N, C-alpha and C. Protein backbone atom coordinates (compact mmCIF):
# COMPACT_ATOMS: atom_id res chain seq x y z
N ALA A 1 -6.12 -1.02 -18.52
CA ALA A 1 -5.70 -0.84 -16.84
C ALA A 1 -6.63 -2.09 -16.39
N GLU A 2 -7.33 -2.06 -16.45
CA GLU A 2 -8.76 -3.46 -15.90
C GLU A 2 -7.84 -4.65 -16.12
N GLU A 3 -7.57 -4.96 -17.31
CA GLU A 3 -7.20 -6.15 -17.22
C GLU A 3 -5.96 -6.55 -16.55
N ALA A 4 -4.94 -5.06 -16.55
CA ALA A 4 -3.87 -5.66 -15.73
C ALA A 4 -3.99 -6.00 -14.44
N SER A 5 -4.92 -5.46 -13.70
CA SER A 5 -5.29 -5.90 -12.59
C SER A 5 -5.99 -7.35 -12.25
N ALA A 6 -7.02 -7.48 -13.38
CA ALA A 6 -7.17 -8.56 -13.17
C ALA A 6 -6.53 -10.00 -13.30
N GLN A 7 -5.36 -9.46 -14.16
CA GLN A 7 -4.18 -10.29 -13.95
C GLN A 7 -3.35 -10.37 -12.67
N PHE A 8 -2.73 -9.05 -12.29
CA PHE A 8 -2.54 -9.35 -11.16
C PHE A 8 -3.22 -9.95 -9.79
N ALA A 9 -4.32 -9.81 -10.07
CA ALA A 9 -5.35 -10.41 -9.06
C ALA A 9 -5.39 -12.03 -8.91
N GLU A 10 -5.15 -12.60 -10.36
CA GLU A 10 -4.72 -14.21 -9.93
C GLU A 10 -3.19 -14.07 -9.66
N LEU A 11 -2.31 -13.51 -10.17
CA LEU A 11 -0.94 -13.65 -9.66
C LEU A 11 -1.32 -13.80 -8.43
N TYR A 12 -1.44 -12.52 -7.71
CA TYR A 12 -1.20 -12.50 -6.10
C TYR A 12 -2.25 -13.56 -5.51
N LYS A 13 -3.14 -13.98 -6.06
CA LYS A 13 -3.70 -15.56 -5.42
C LYS A 13 -3.14 -16.26 -5.35
N GLU A 14 -2.81 -16.61 -6.82
CA GLU A 14 -1.43 -18.31 -6.64
C GLU A 14 -0.30 -18.04 -6.06
N ARG A 15 0.34 -16.71 -5.58
CA ARG A 15 1.48 -16.47 -4.47
C ARG A 15 1.79 -15.49 -4.06
N LYS A 16 1.43 -14.91 -3.01
CA LYS A 16 1.18 -13.44 -2.32
C LYS A 16 2.61 -12.92 -2.34
N SER A 17 2.81 -11.77 -2.76
CA SER A 17 4.63 -11.12 -2.47
C SER A 17 4.19 -10.00 -2.56
N SER A 18 5.23 -8.96 -1.48
CA SER A 18 5.21 -7.70 -1.38
C SER A 18 5.31 -7.16 -3.07
N ILE A 19 6.46 -7.43 -4.17
CA ILE A 19 6.05 -7.01 -5.37
C ILE A 19 4.31 -6.76 -5.87
N LEU A 20 4.25 -8.34 -5.66
CA LEU A 20 2.90 -8.19 -6.54
C LEU A 20 1.87 -7.52 -6.08
N VAL A 21 1.33 -7.59 -4.56
CA VAL A 21 0.65 -7.07 -3.90
C VAL A 21 0.82 -5.26 -4.31
N ASN A 22 2.02 -5.22 -4.04
CA ASN A 22 2.35 -3.26 -4.36
C ASN A 22 1.90 -3.07 -6.16
N GLN A 23 2.13 -3.95 -7.08
CA GLN A 23 1.89 -3.80 -8.59
C GLN A 23 -0.06 -3.90 -8.85
N TYR A 24 -0.61 -4.94 -7.89
CA TYR A 24 -1.83 -5.40 -7.90
C TYR A 24 -2.21 -3.70 -7.50
N ALA A 25 -1.87 -3.27 -6.68
CA ALA A 25 -2.31 -2.21 -5.95
C ALA A 25 -2.53 -0.73 -6.73
N VAL A 26 -1.06 -0.64 -7.27
CA VAL A 26 -1.01 0.51 -8.13
C VAL A 26 -2.22 0.03 -9.67
N SER A 27 -1.99 -0.80 -9.86
CA SER A 27 -3.17 -1.30 -11.11
C SER A 27 -4.60 -0.96 -10.77
N LEU A 28 -4.91 -1.78 -9.63
CA LEU A 28 -6.80 -1.08 -8.85
C LEU A 28 -6.58 0.59 -9.11
N TRP A 29 -5.82 0.76 -8.24
CA TRP A 29 -5.43 2.66 -8.35
C TRP A 29 -5.54 3.11 -9.36
N ASN A 30 -4.86 2.73 -10.63
CA ASN A 30 -4.98 3.53 -11.86
C ASN A 30 -6.38 3.00 -12.78
N SER A 31 -6.90 2.10 -12.15
CA SER A 31 -8.31 2.31 -12.94
C SER A 31 -9.29 2.20 -12.27
N ALA A 32 -8.99 3.18 -11.13
CA ALA A 32 -9.66 3.86 -10.35
C ALA A 32 -10.85 2.95 -9.80
N GLN A 33 -10.16 2.04 -9.15
CA GLN A 33 -10.71 1.07 -7.98
C GLN A 33 -9.82 1.42 -6.99
N ARG A 34 -10.12 2.50 -6.40
CA ARG A 34 -9.41 3.17 -5.54
C ARG A 34 -9.59 2.49 -4.21
N ASP A 35 -10.98 2.68 -3.70
CA ASP A 35 -10.82 1.75 -2.25
C ASP A 35 -10.60 0.15 -2.39
N LEU A 36 -10.57 -0.51 -3.60
CA LEU A 36 -9.93 -1.95 -3.50
C LEU A 36 -8.75 -1.78 -3.29
N ALA A 37 -8.12 -0.71 -3.58
CA ALA A 37 -6.42 -0.81 -3.63
C ALA A 37 -6.17 -0.67 -1.97
N VAL A 38 -7.21 0.07 -1.39
CA VAL A 38 -6.62 0.26 -0.13
C VAL A 38 -7.17 -0.84 0.63
N GLU A 39 -8.16 -1.50 0.58
CA GLU A 39 -8.26 -2.70 1.12
C GLU A 39 -7.36 -3.98 0.77
N ILE A 40 -6.66 -3.99 -0.25
CA ILE A 40 -5.51 -5.16 -0.72
C ILE A 40 -4.51 -4.46 -0.03
N LEU A 41 -4.04 -3.12 0.17
CA LEU A 41 -2.74 -3.12 0.89
C LEU A 41 -2.91 -3.12 2.81
N THR A 42 -4.37 -2.81 2.86
CA THR A 42 -4.38 -3.03 4.75
C THR A 42 -4.61 -4.34 4.53
N SER A 43 -5.21 -5.15 3.84
CA SER A 43 -5.06 -6.58 4.37
C SER A 43 -3.78 -7.20 4.23
N TRP A 44 -2.66 -6.97 3.47
CA TRP A 44 -1.42 -7.58 3.15
C TRP A 44 -0.35 -6.80 4.52
N LEU A 45 -0.94 -5.59 4.84
CA LEU A 45 0.20 -5.35 5.46
C LEU A 45 -0.33 -5.72 7.21
N LYS A 46 -1.74 -6.74 7.34
CA LYS A 46 -2.02 -7.04 8.14
C LYS A 46 -1.24 -9.14 8.46
N GLU A 47 -0.85 -9.33 7.35
CA GLU A 47 0.03 -10.58 7.23
C GLU A 47 1.40 -10.01 6.65
N SER A 48 1.60 -8.54 6.93
CA SER A 48 3.19 -8.35 6.58
C SER A 48 3.25 -7.11 6.95
N PRO A 49 3.52 -6.88 8.35
CA PRO A 49 3.34 -5.72 8.84
C PRO A 49 4.64 -4.88 8.60
N ARG A 50 5.55 -5.08 8.28
CA ARG A 50 6.73 -4.51 7.99
C ARG A 50 7.48 -3.89 6.74
N ASP A 51 6.32 -4.22 5.88
CA ASP A 51 6.68 -4.23 4.63
C ASP A 51 6.21 -2.54 4.25
N ALA A 52 7.39 -2.30 4.35
CA ALA A 52 7.89 -0.15 4.42
C ALA A 52 7.38 0.07 3.02
N VAL A 53 6.98 -0.59 1.84
CA VAL A 53 6.89 0.15 0.22
C VAL A 53 5.44 -0.35 0.57
N ALA A 54 4.46 -0.99 0.98
CA ALA A 54 3.47 -1.44 0.80
C ALA A 54 2.57 -0.31 1.82
N ARG A 55 3.45 -0.16 2.93
CA ARG A 55 3.09 0.83 3.72
C ARG A 55 3.05 2.28 3.50
N ARG A 56 4.24 2.61 3.30
CA ARG A 56 4.27 4.01 2.36
C ARG A 56 3.13 4.29 1.03
N ARG A 57 2.95 3.38 0.39
CA ARG A 57 2.12 3.72 -0.74
C ARG A 57 0.68 3.46 -0.28
N LEU A 58 0.19 2.53 0.83
CA LEU A 58 -0.92 2.56 1.40
C LEU A 58 -1.31 4.26 1.96
N ALA A 59 -0.01 4.62 2.72
CA ALA A 59 -0.11 6.02 3.22
C ALA A 59 -0.90 7.35 2.28
N SER A 60 0.05 6.99 1.15
CA SER A 60 0.04 7.84 -0.28
C SER A 60 -1.50 7.76 -0.52
N TYR A 61 -1.67 6.74 -0.30
CA TYR A 61 -2.85 6.67 -1.57
C TYR A 61 -4.03 7.37 -0.15
N LEU A 62 -4.03 7.29 0.68
CA LEU A 62 -4.72 7.95 1.89
C LEU A 62 -4.59 9.09 1.72
N VAL A 63 -3.61 9.44 1.71
CA VAL A 63 -3.73 11.23 1.63
C VAL A 63 -4.86 11.23 0.44
N ALA A 64 -4.50 10.92 -0.64
CA ALA A 64 -5.01 11.15 -1.88
C ALA A 64 -6.51 11.64 -2.00
N LEU A 65 -7.30 10.33 -0.77
CA LEU A 65 -8.24 9.94 -0.60
C LEU A 65 -8.93 11.05 0.40
N GLU A 66 -7.84 11.72 1.11
CA GLU A 66 -8.15 13.05 1.96
C GLU A 66 -8.45 12.08 3.25
N ARG A 67 -7.86 10.82 3.28
CA ARG A 67 -8.32 10.05 4.89
C ARG A 67 -7.08 10.64 5.64
N TRP A 68 -7.12 11.75 6.15
CA TRP A 68 -5.68 11.95 6.94
C TRP A 68 -5.65 11.24 8.37
N SER A 69 -6.38 11.36 9.22
CA SER A 69 -6.05 10.54 10.37
C SER A 69 -5.60 8.84 9.77
N ASP A 70 -6.29 8.36 8.94
CA ASP A 70 -5.68 7.01 8.66
C ASP A 70 -4.40 6.90 7.87
N ALA A 71 -3.89 8.35 7.61
CA ALA A 71 -3.03 8.18 6.17
C ALA A 71 -1.68 8.49 7.50
N GLN A 72 -2.10 9.56 8.67
CA GLN A 72 -1.33 9.88 9.58
C GLN A 72 -0.80 8.83 10.60
N GLN A 73 -1.38 7.57 10.56
CA GLN A 73 -1.41 6.57 11.38
C GLN A 73 -0.40 5.68 10.68
N GLN A 74 -0.37 5.42 9.56
CA GLN A 74 0.51 5.05 8.73
C GLN A 74 1.66 5.14 8.87
N PHE A 75 1.83 6.73 8.02
CA PHE A 75 3.34 6.97 8.17
C PHE A 75 3.70 7.41 10.34
N MET A 76 3.29 7.62 10.58
CA MET A 76 3.91 7.19 12.29
C MET A 76 4.02 5.67 12.60
N THR A 77 3.45 4.83 11.67
CA THR A 77 4.08 3.09 11.75
C THR A 77 5.35 3.20 11.09
N LEU A 78 5.66 4.23 9.92
CA LEU A 78 6.78 3.77 9.35
C LEU A 78 7.95 4.63 10.03
N VAL A 79 7.50 5.81 11.08
CA VAL A 79 8.51 6.10 11.53
C VAL A 79 8.88 5.46 12.98
N LYS A 80 8.20 4.79 13.38
CA LYS A 80 8.50 4.05 14.47
C LYS A 80 9.03 2.42 14.07
N GLU A 81 8.54 2.13 13.09
CA GLU A 81 9.23 0.57 12.48
C GLU A 81 10.27 0.93 11.84
N PHE A 82 10.68 2.19 11.44
CA PHE A 82 12.01 2.29 10.52
C PHE A 82 12.70 3.92 10.68
N PRO A 83 12.71 4.16 11.92
CA PRO A 83 13.20 5.39 12.07
C PRO A 83 14.64 5.63 11.63
N THR A 84 15.58 4.67 11.10
CA THR A 84 16.60 5.24 10.23
C THR A 84 16.51 5.30 9.11
N ALA A 85 15.16 4.88 8.36
CA ALA A 85 15.41 4.94 6.81
C ALA A 85 15.40 5.80 6.08
N PRO A 86 16.44 5.87 5.18
CA PRO A 86 15.79 7.10 4.52
C PRO A 86 15.12 7.77 3.47
N ASN A 87 14.67 8.85 3.71
CA ASN A 87 13.67 9.71 3.32
C ASN A 87 11.98 9.49 4.58
N GLN A 88 12.57 9.48 5.55
CA GLN A 88 11.54 9.42 6.36
C GLN A 88 11.56 10.95 7.12
N ASN A 89 12.35 12.03 6.81
CA ASN A 89 12.75 13.22 7.58
C ASN A 89 11.10 13.49 7.06
N ASP A 90 10.47 13.58 6.24
CA ASP A 90 9.25 14.22 5.93
C ASP A 90 8.03 13.69 6.44
N LEU A 91 8.19 12.60 7.16
CA LEU A 91 7.05 11.70 7.35
C LEU A 91 6.87 12.28 9.34
N ALA A 92 7.97 12.72 9.91
CA ALA A 92 7.70 12.73 10.78
C ALA A 92 7.28 14.22 11.45
């Protein structure tokens, strides 16, 4: 898992994209680098605030870390930004 994280880190540095940031975050999370996964997603969302996949992943990670207030903020942003998106009923 750590080797995969290192590979995704290199790819992410070369060309940032939603797909790469999400894969990178998952690889970090799976290798127990959870704070770094949250940091990477948070940083990405400052640059790409309308990335719903990354925001939902971040919110889910924050729930897993029991950072309830931060998770709620992310879920509320999803509802606000994507009110008609499928599967949003569970966020309101």
